[in-house]
Amino acid sequence: MERWRFSSDFHHPVHLHLAQFQVTARGGRPPATTDAGWKDTVDVRPYEVVEVLVRFTGYKGRYMLHCHNLEHEDMAMMGNFQVI
């Protein structure tokens, strides 16, 4: 597992393809009950830091991460990364 931190100056529902994660902290505090369980999308509010533990299993290769705000998807707000 890897620990990741998402932060933003704008509201972004961040979605990760082909992997799941668990929210471990939100704003330096324990996560809300709505954050419980395995996720593939997390809501990141303006100026908030969300920490997650990401699990990559069964697939080595290229993954994609993007914002689920429709306007941001239309502007190609996404990235890809390689898991080896």
PDB file of N, CA and C in Angstrom:
ATOM      1  N   MET A   1       0.842  -1.187   0.000  1.00  0.00           N
ATOM      2  CA  MET A   1       0.000   0.000   0.000  1.00  0.00           C
ATOM      3  C   MET A   1       0.880   1.240   0.000  1.00  0.00           C
ATOM      4  N   GLU A   2       0.338   2.301  -0.539  1.00  0.00           N
ATOM      5  CA  GLU A   2       1.021   3.588  -0.559  1.00  0.00           C
ATOM      6  C   GLU A   2       0.156   4.630   0.121  1.00  0.00           C
ATOM      7  N   ARG A   3       0.800   5.572   0.810  1.00  0.00           N
ATOM      8  CA  ARG A   3       0.072   6.690   1.413  1.00  0.00           C
ATOM      9  C   ARG A   3       0.143   7.870   0.446  1.00  0.00           C
ATOM     10  N   TRP A   4      -1.018   8.401   0.087  1.00  0.00           N
ATOM     11  CA  TRP A   4      -1.110   9.563  -0.792  1.00  0.00           C
ATOM     12  C   TRP A   4      -1.813  10.691  -0.059  1.00  0.00           C
ATOM     13  N   ARG A   5      -1.501  11.919  -0.472  1.00  0.00           N
ATOM     14  CA  ARG A   5      -2.181  13.115   0.053  1.00  0.00           C
ATOM     15  C   ARG A   5      -2.737  13.898  -1.119  1.00  0.00           C
ATOM     16  N   PHE A   6      -4.039  14.148  -1.080  1.00  0.00           N
ATOM     17  CA  PHE A   6      -4.691  14.993  -2.077  1.00  0.00           C
ATOM     18  C   PHE A   6      -4.947  16.352  -1.436  1.00  0.00           C
ATOM     19  N   SER A   7      -4.631  17.417  -2.157  1.00  0.00           N
ATOM     20  CA  SER A   7      -4.946  18.764  -1.676  1.00  0.00           C
ATOM     21  C   SER A   7      -5.291  19.626  -2.883  1.00  0.00           C
ATOM     22  N   SER A   8      -6.037  20.677  -2.620  1.00  0.00           N
ATOM     23  CA  SER A   8      -6.482  21.527  -3.721  1.00  0.00           C
ATOM     24  C   SER A   8      -6.915  22.886  -3.205  1.00  0.00           C
ATOM     25  N   ASP A   9      -6.942  23.860  -4.101  1.00  0.00           N
ATOM     26  CA  ASP A   9      -7.496  25.168  -3.746  1.00  0.00           C
ATOM     27  C   ASP A   9      -8.917  25.306  -4.298  1.00  0.00           C
ATOM     28  N   PHE A  10      -9.465  24.201  -4.828  1.00  0.00           N
ATOM     29  CA  PHE A  10     -10.794  24.201  -5.430  1.00  0.00           C
ATOM     30  C   PHE A  10     -11.438  22.844  -5.125  1.00  0.00           C
ATOM     31  N   HIS A  11     -12.743  22.753  -5.197  1.00  0.00           N
ATOM     32  CA  HIS A  11     -13.449  21.500  -4.942  1.00  0.00           C
ATOM     33  C   HIS A  11     -13.197  20.513  -6.086  1.00  0.00           C
ATOM     34  N   HIS A  12     -12.672  19.328  -5.738  1.00  0.00           N
ATOM     35  CA  HIS A  12     -12.422  18.281  -6.726  1.00  0.00           C
ATOM     36  C   HIS A  12     -12.836  16.922  -6.177  1.00  0.00           C
ATOM     37  N   PRO A  13     -13.774  16.233  -6.812  1.00  0.00           N
ATOM     38  CA  PRO A  13     -13.997  14.823  -6.509  1.00  0.00           C
ATOM     39  C   PRO A  13     -12.976  14.019  -7.316  1.00  0.00           C
ATOM     40  N   VAL A  14     -11.952  13.532  -6.661  1.00  0.00           N
ATOM     41  CA  VAL A  14     -10.829  12.868  -7.318  1.00  0.00           C
ATOM     42  C   VAL A  14     -11.135  11.381  -7.470  1.00  0.00           C
ATOM     43  N   HIS A  15     -10.992  10.876  -8.705  1.00  0.00           N
ATOM     44  CA  HIS A  15     -11.304   9.483  -9.024  1.00  0.00           C
ATOM     45  C   HIS A  15     -10.056   8.776  -9.530  1.00  0.00           C
ATOM     46  N   LEU A  16      -9.806   7.584  -9.000  1.00  0.00           N
ATOM     47  CA  LEU A  16      -8.664   6.772  -9.379  1.00  0.00           C
ATOM     48  C   LEU A  16      -9.168   5.507 -10.078  1.00  0.00           C
ATOM     49  N   HIS A  17      -8.683   5.263 -11.289  1.00  0.00           N
ATOM     50  CA  HIS A  17      -9.093   4.085 -12.052  1.00  0.00           C
ATOM     51  C   HIS A  17      -8.290   2.849 -11.640  1.00  0.00           C
ATOM     52  N   LEU A  18      -8.946   1.700 -11.604  1.00  0.00           N
ATOM     53  CA  LEU A  18      -8.337   0.384 -11.406  1.00  0.00           C
ATOM     54  C   LEU A  18      -7.719   0.145 -10.030  1.00  0.00           C
ATOM     55  N   ALA A  19      -7.970   1.012  -9.065  1.00  0.00           N
ATOM     56  CA  ALA A  19      -7.413   0.840  -7.724  1.00  0.00           C
ATOM     57  C   ALA A  19      -8.414   1.361  -6.697  1.00  0.00           C
ATOM     58  N   GLN A  20      -8.243   0.912  -5.481  1.00  0.00           N
ATOM     59  CA  GLN A  20      -9.085   1.385  -4.392  1.00  0.00           C
ATOM     60  C   GLN A  20      -8.217   1.919  -3.268  1.00  0.00           C
ATOM     61  N   PHE A  21      -8.832   2.747  -2.423  1.00  0.00           N
ATOM     62  CA  PHE A  21      -8.104   3.336  -1.303  1.00  0.00           C
ATOM     63  C   PHE A  21      -9.029   3.500  -0.119  1.00  0.00           C
ATOM     64  N   GLN A  22      -8.415   3.722   1.041  1.00  0.00           N
ATOM     65  CA  GLN A  22      -9.153   4.034   2.264  1.00  0.00           C
ATOM     66  C   GLN A  22      -8.711   5.400   2.754  1.00  0.00           C
ATOM     67  N   VAL A  23      -9.665   6.241   3.129  1.00  0.00           N
ATOM     68  CA  VAL A  23      -9.371   7.558   3.678  1.00  0.00           C
ATOM     69  C   VAL A  23      -8.897   7.368   5.111  1.00  0.00           C
ATOM     70  N   THR A  24      -7.708   7.901   5.432  1.00  0.00           N
ATOM     71  CA  THR A  24      -7.155   7.752   6.779  1.00  0.00           C
ATOM     72  C   THR A  24      -7.195   9.048   7.577  1.00  0.00           C
ATOM     73  N   ALA A  25      -7.276  10.185   6.887  1.00  0.00           N
ATOM     74  CA  ALA A  25      -7.356  11.477   7.581  1.00  0.00           C
ATOM     75  C   ALA A  25      -7.947  12.512   6.634  1.00  0.00           C
ATOM     76  N   ARG A  26      -8.600  13.485   7.228  1.00  0.00           N
ATOM     77  CA  ARG A  26      -9.185  14.594   6.475  1.00  0.00           C
ATOM     78  C   ARG A  26      -8.902  15.862   7.267  1.00  0.00           C
ATOM     79  N   GLY A  27      -8.078  16.735   6.692  1.00  0.00           N
ATOM     80  CA  GLY A  27      -7.726  17.960   7.404  1.00  0.00           C
ATOM     81  C   GLY A  27      -6.940  17.705   8.671  1.00  0.00           C
ATOM     82  N   GLY A  28      -6.150  16.629   8.692  1.00  0.00           N
ATOM     83  CA  GLY A  28      -5.356  16.309   9.873  1.00  0.00           C
ATOM     84  C   GLY A  28      -6.131  15.632  10.983  1.00  0.00           C
ATOM     85  N   ARG A  29      -7.403  15.362  10.747  1.00  0.00           N
ATOM     86  CA  ARG A  29      -8.250  14.700  11.745  1.00  0.00           C
ATOM     87  C   ARG A  29      -8.723  13.357  11.226  1.00  0.00           C
ATOM     88  N   PRO A  30      -9.263  12.522  12.101  1.00  0.00           N
ATOM     89  CA  PRO A  30      -9.802  11.246  11.625  1.00  0.00           C
ATOM     90  C   PRO A  30     -10.882  11.469  10.563  1.00  0.00           C
ATOM     91  N   PRO A  31     -11.024  10.531   9.645  1.00  0.00           N
ATOM     92  CA  PRO A  31     -12.019  10.697   8.582  1.00  0.00           C
ATOM     93  C   PRO A  31     -13.448  10.633   9.118  1.00  0.00           C
ATOM     94  N   ALA A  32     -14.361  11.202   8.350  1.00  0.00           N
ATOM     95  CA  ALA A  32     -15.788  11.169   8.702  1.00  0.00           C
ATOM     96  C   ALA A  32     -16.333   9.756   8.489  1.00  0.00           C
ATOM     97  N   THR A  33     -17.468   9.458   9.077  1.00  0.00           N
ATOM     98  CA  THR A  33     -18.075   8.136   8.893  1.00  0.00           C
ATOM     99  C   THR A  33     -18.419   7.890   7.422  1.00  0.00           C
ATOM    100  N   THR A  34     -18.697   8.937   6.670  1.00  0.00           N
ATOM    101  CA  THR A  34     -18.991   8.794   5.239  1.00  0.00           C
ATOM    102  C   THR A  34     -17.752   8.396   4.441  1.00  0.00           C
ATOM    103  N   ASP A  35     -16.574   8.513   5.044  1.00  0.00           N
ATOM    104  CA  ASP A  35     -15.322   8.119   4.387  1.00  0.00           C
ATOM    105  C   ASP A  35     -14.978   6.644   4.629  1.00  0.00           C
ATOM    106  N   ALA A  36     -15.775   5.943   5.405  1.00  0.00           N
ATOM    107  CA  ALA A  36     -15.455   4.554   5.758  1.00  0.00           C
ATOM    108  C   ALA A  36     -15.528   3.647   4.539  1.00  0.00           C
ATOM    109  N   GLY A  37     -14.696   2.614   4.534  1.00  0.00           N
ATOM    110  CA  GLY A  37     -14.727   1.610   3.483  1.00  0.00           C
ATOM    111  C   GLY A  37     -13.776   1.922   2.339  1.00  0.00           C
ATOM    112  N   TRP A  38     -13.713   0.983   1.400  1.00  0.00           N
ATOM    113  CA  TRP A  38     -12.863   1.142   0.227  1.00  0.00           C
ATOM    114  C   TRP A  38     -13.532   2.081  -0.769  1.00  0.00           C
ATOM    115  N   LYS A  39     -12.747   2.971  -1.349  1.00  0.00           N
ATOM    116  CA  LYS A  39     -13.255   3.994  -2.278  1.00  0.00           C
ATOM    117  C   LYS A  39     -12.444   3.976  -3.572  1.00  0.00           C
ATOM    118  N   ASP A  40     -13.019   4.574  -4.616  1.00  0.00           N
ATOM    119  CA  ASP A  40     -12.250   4.898  -5.812  1.00  0.00           C
ATOM    120  C   ASP A  40     -12.389   6.379  -6.150  1.00  0.00           C
ATOM    121  N   THR A  41     -13.177   7.099  -5.329  1.00  0.00           N
ATOM    122  CA  THR A  41     -13.363   8.541  -5.490  1.00  0.00           C
ATOM    123  C   THR A  41     -13.398   9.168  -4.108  1.00  0.00           C
ATOM    124  N   VAL A  42     -12.748  10.320  -3.976  1.00  0.00           N
ATOM    125  CA  VAL A  42     -12.785  11.044  -2.707  1.00  0.00           C
ATOM    126  C   VAL A  42     -13.062  12.515  -2.999  1.00  0.00           C
ATOM    127  N   ASP A  43     -13.911  13.115  -2.175  1.00  0.00           N
ATOM    128  CA  ASP A  43     -14.282  14.516  -2.325  1.00  0.00           C
ATOM    129  C   ASP A  43     -13.254  15.380  -1.590  1.00  0.00           C
ATOM    130  N   VAL A  44     -12.519  16.191  -2.324  1.00  0.00           N
ATOM    131  CA  VAL A  44     -11.502  17.074  -1.739  1.00  0.00           C
ATOM    132  C   VAL A  44     -12.035  18.498  -1.815  1.00  0.00           C
ATOM    133  N   ARG A  45     -12.279  19.093  -0.667  1.00  0.00           N
ATOM    134  CA  ARG A  45     -12.810  20.461  -0.586  1.00  0.00           C
ATOM    135  C   ARG A  45     -11.678  21.484  -0.695  1.00  0.00           C
ATOM    136  N   PRO A  46     -12.014  22.743  -0.980  1.00  0.00           N
ATOM    137  CA  PRO A  46     -10.971  23.778  -1.106  1.00  0.00           C
ATOM    138  C   PRO A  46     -10.086  23.861   0.141  1.00  0.00           C
ATOM    139  N   TYR A  47      -8.787  23.861  -0.078  1.00  0.00           N
ATOM    140  CA  TYR A  47      -7.751  24.011   0.959  1.00  0.00           C
ATOM    141  C   TYR A  47      -7.772  22.877   1.988  1.00  0.00           C
ATOM    142  N   GLU A  48      -8.296  21.739   1.604  1.00  0.00           N
ATOM    143  CA  GLU A  48      -8.343  20.577   2.472  1.00  0.00           C
ATOM    144  C   GLU A  48      -7.262  19.579   2.024  1.00  0.00           C
ATOM    145  N   VAL A  49      -6.713  18.846   2.987  1.00  0.00           N
ATOM    146  CA  VAL A  49      -5.777  17.763   2.680  1.00  0.00           C
ATOM    147  C   VAL A  49      -6.446  16.464   3.109  1.00  0.00           C
ATOM    148  N   VAL A  50      -6.540  15.530   2.164  1.00  0.00           N
ATOM    149  CA  VAL A  50      -7.133  14.226   2.433  1.00  0.00           C
ATOM    150  C   VAL A  50      -6.045  13.177   2.247  1.00  0.00           C
ATOM    151  N   GLU A  51      -5.799  12.386   3.288  1.00  0.00           N
ATOM    152  CA  GLU A  51      -4.796  11.327   3.219  1.00  0.00           C
ATOM    153  C   GLU A  51      -5.491  10.000   2.991  1.00  0.00           C
ATOM    154  N   VAL A  52      -4.911   9.195   2.094  1.00  0.00           N
ATOM    155  CA  VAL A  52      -5.483   7.892   1.779  1.00  0.00           C
ATOM    156  C   VAL A  52      -4.387   6.838   1.699  1.00  0.00           C
ATOM    157  N   LEU A  53      -4.768   5.587   1.923  1.00  0.00           N
ATOM    158  CA  LEU A  53      -3.897   4.442   1.668  1.00  0.00           C
ATOM    159  C   LEU A  53      -4.416   3.776   0.398  1.00  0.00           C
ATOM    160  N   VAL A  54      -3.577   3.735  -0.625  1.00  0.00           N
ATOM    161  CA  VAL A  54      -3.972   3.200  -1.932  1.00  0.00           C
ATOM    162  C   VAL A  54      -3.425   1.786  -2.091  1.00  0.00           C
ATOM    163  N   ARG A  55      -4.275   0.913  -2.608  1.00  0.00           N
ATOM    164  CA  ARG A  55      -3.898  -0.482  -2.829  1.00  0.00           C
ATOM    165  C   ARG A  55      -3.874  -0.759  -4.335  1.00  0.00           C
ATOM    166  N   PHE A  56      -2.716  -1.197  -4.836  1.00  0.00           N
ATOM    167  CA  PHE A  56      -2.573  -1.584  -6.241  1.00  0.00           C
ATOM    168  C   PHE A  56      -2.349  -3.095  -6.273  1.00  0.00           C
ATOM    169  N   THR A  57      -3.336  -3.851  -6.725  1.00  0.00           N
ATOM    170  CA  THR A  57      -3.208  -5.304  -6.747  1.00  0.00           C
ATOM    171  C   THR A  57      -3.639  -5.843  -8.106  1.00  0.00           C
ATOM    172  N   GLY A  58      -2.940  -6.871  -8.548  1.00  0.00           N
ATOM    173  CA  GLY A  58      -3.365  -7.594  -9.727  1.00  0.00           C
ATOM    174  C   GLY A  58      -3.072  -6.953 -11.063  1.00  0.00           C
ATOM    175  N   TYR A  59      -2.501  -5.770 -11.073  1.00  0.00           N
ATOM    176  CA  TYR A  59      -2.249  -5.113 -12.352  1.00  0.00           C
ATOM    177  C   TYR A  59      -1.015  -4.240 -12.238  1.00  0.00           C
ATOM    178  N   LYS A  60      -0.072  -4.465 -13.106  1.00  0.00           N
ATOM    179  CA  LYS A  60       1.089  -3.592 -13.216  1.00  0.00           C
ATOM    180  C   LYS A  60       0.972  -2.894 -14.563  1.00  0.00           C
ATOM    181  N   GLY A  61       1.088  -1.603 -14.547  1.00  0.00           N
ATOM    182  CA  GLY A  61       0.940  -0.853 -15.789  1.00  0.00           C
ATOM    183  C   GLY A  61       0.446   0.549 -15.529  1.00  0.00           C
ATOM    184  N   ARG A  62      -0.196   1.103 -16.533  1.00  0.00           N
ATOM    185  CA  ARG A  62      -0.633   2.500 -16.491  1.00  0.00           C
ATOM    186  C   ARG A  62      -1.992   2.635 -15.804  1.00  0.00           C
ATOM    187  N   TYR A  63      -2.080   3.602 -14.917  1.00  0.00           N
ATOM    188  CA  TYR A  63      -3.317   3.949 -14.209  1.00  0.00           C
ATOM    189  C   TYR A  63      -3.684   5.396 -14.542  1.00  0.00           C
ATOM    190  N   MET A  64      -4.950   5.743 -14.332  1.00  0.00           N
ATOM    191  CA  MET A  64      -5.396   7.110 -14.585  1.00  0.00           C
ATOM    192  C   MET A  64      -6.068   7.684 -13.334  1.00  0.00           C
ATOM    193  N   LEU A  65      -5.869   8.972 -13.153  1.00  0.00           N
ATOM    194  CA  LEU A  65      -6.424   9.740 -12.037  1.00  0.00           C
ATOM    195  C   LEU A  65      -7.041  10.988 -12.647  1.00  0.00           C
ATOM    196  N   HIS A  66      -8.277  11.325 -12.240  1.00  0.00           N
ATOM    197  CA  HIS A  66      -8.885  12.542 -12.782  1.00  0.00           C
ATOM    198  C   HIS A  66      -9.939  13.108 -11.845  1.00  0.00           C
ATOM    199  N   CYS A  67     -10.343  14.332 -12.141  1.00  0.00           N
ATOM    200  CA  CYS A  67     -11.395  15.023 -11.395  1.00  0.00           C
ATOM    201  C   CYS A  67     -12.737  14.690 -12.034  1.00  0.00           C
ATOM    202  N   HIS A  68     -13.762  14.454 -11.201  1.00  0.00           N
ATOM    203  CA  HIS A  68     -15.082  14.124 -11.716  1.00  0.00           C
ATOM    204  C   HIS A  68     -15.975  15.345 -11.910  1.00  0.00           C
ATOM    205  N   ASN A  69     -15.461  16.565 -11.740  1.00  0.00           N
ATOM    206  CA  ASN A  69     -16.239  17.741 -12.133  1.00  0.00           C
ATOM    207  C   ASN A  69     -16.316  17.737 -13.652  1.00  0.00           C
ATOM    208  N   LEU A  70     -17.512  17.791 -14.201  1.00  0.00           N
ATOM    209  CA  LEU A  70     -17.695  17.670 -15.643  1.00  0.00           C
ATOM    210  C   LEU A  70     -16.856  18.685 -16.416  1.00  0.00           C
ATOM    211  N   GLU A  71     -16.822  19.934 -15.934  1.00  0.00           N
ATOM    212  CA  GLU A  71     -16.041  20.966 -16.621  1.00  0.00           C
ATOM    213  C   GLU A  71     -14.555  20.609 -16.636  1.00  0.00           C
ATOM    214  N   HIS A  72     -14.080  19.995 -15.570  1.00  0.00           N
ATOM    215  CA  HIS A  72     -12.670  19.630 -15.494  1.00  0.00           C
ATOM    216  C   HIS A  72     -12.364  18.433 -16.388  1.00  0.00           C
ATOM    217  N   GLU A  73     -13.298  17.483 -16.451  1.00  0.00           N
ATOM    218  CA  GLU A  73     -13.108  16.366 -17.381  1.00  0.00           C
ATOM    219  C   GLU A  73     -13.046  16.887 -18.812  1.00  0.00           C
ATOM    220  N   ASP A  74     -13.910  17.833 -19.139  1.00  0.00           N
ATOM    221  CA  ASP A  74     -13.918  18.416 -20.483  1.00  0.00           C
ATOM    222  C   ASP A  74     -12.621  19.150 -20.797  1.00  0.00           C
ATOM    223  N   MET A  75     -11.937  19.662 -19.765  1.00  0.00           N
ATOM    224  CA  MET A  75     -10.672  20.384 -19.961  1.00  0.00           C
ATOM    225  C   MET A  75      -9.478  19.441 -19.826  1.00  0.00           C
ATOM    226  N   ALA A  76      -9.730  18.127 -19.836  1.00  0.00           N
ATOM    227  CA  ALA A  76      -8.687  17.109 -19.777  1.00  0.00           C
ATOM    228  C   ALA A  76      -7.879  17.177 -18.488  1.00  0.00           C
ATOM    229  N   MET A  77      -8.555  17.487 -17.366  1.00  0.00           N
ATOM    230  CA  MET A  77      -7.874  17.523 -16.073  1.00  0.00           C
ATOM    231  C   MET A  77      -7.710  16.101 -15.565  1.00  0.00           C
ATOM    232  N   MET A  78      -6.653  15.465 -16.036  1.00  0.00           N
ATOM    233  CA  MET A  78      -6.383  14.093 -15.648  1.00  0.00           C
ATOM    234  C   MET A  78      -4.903  13.811 -15.783  1.00  0.00           C
ATOM    235  N   GLY A  79      -4.478  12.761 -15.164  1.00  0.00           N
ATOM    236  CA  GLY A  79      -3.090  12.366 -15.250  1.00  0.00           C
ATOM    237  C   GLY A  79      -2.985  10.854 -15.260  1.00  0.00           C
ATOM    238  N   ASN A  80      -1.847  10.358 -15.711  1.00  0.00           N
ATOM    239  CA  ASN A  80      -1.624   8.921 -15.660  1.00  0.00           C
ATOM    240  C   ASN A  80      -0.280   8.657 -15.035  1.00  0.00           C
ATOM    241  N   PHE A  81      -0.120   7.449 -14.515  1.00  0.00           N
ATOM    242  CA  PHE A  81       1.121   7.067 -13.844  1.00  0.00           C
ATOM    243  C   PHE A  81       1.321   5.569 -14.014  1.00  0.00           C
ATOM    244  N   GLN A  82       2.531   5.139 -13.844  1.00  0.00           N
ATOM    245  CA  GLN A  82       2.903   3.753 -14.078  1.00  0.00           C
ATOM    246  C   GLN A  82       3.158   3.040 -12.752  1.00  0.00           C
ATOM    247  N   VAL A  83       2.553   1.871 -12.562  1.00  0.00           N
ATOM    248  CA  VAL A  83       2.816   1.017 -11.420  1.00  0.00           C
ATOM    249  C   VAL A  83       3.661  -0.146 -11.923  1.00  0.00           C
ATOM    250  N   ILE A  84       4.839  -0.335 -11.309  1.00  0.00           N
ATOM    251  CA  ILE A  84       5.735  -1.398 -11.770  1.00  0.00           C
ATOM    252  C   ILE A  84       5.891  -2.492 -10.725  1.00  0.00           C
TER     253      ILE A  84
END
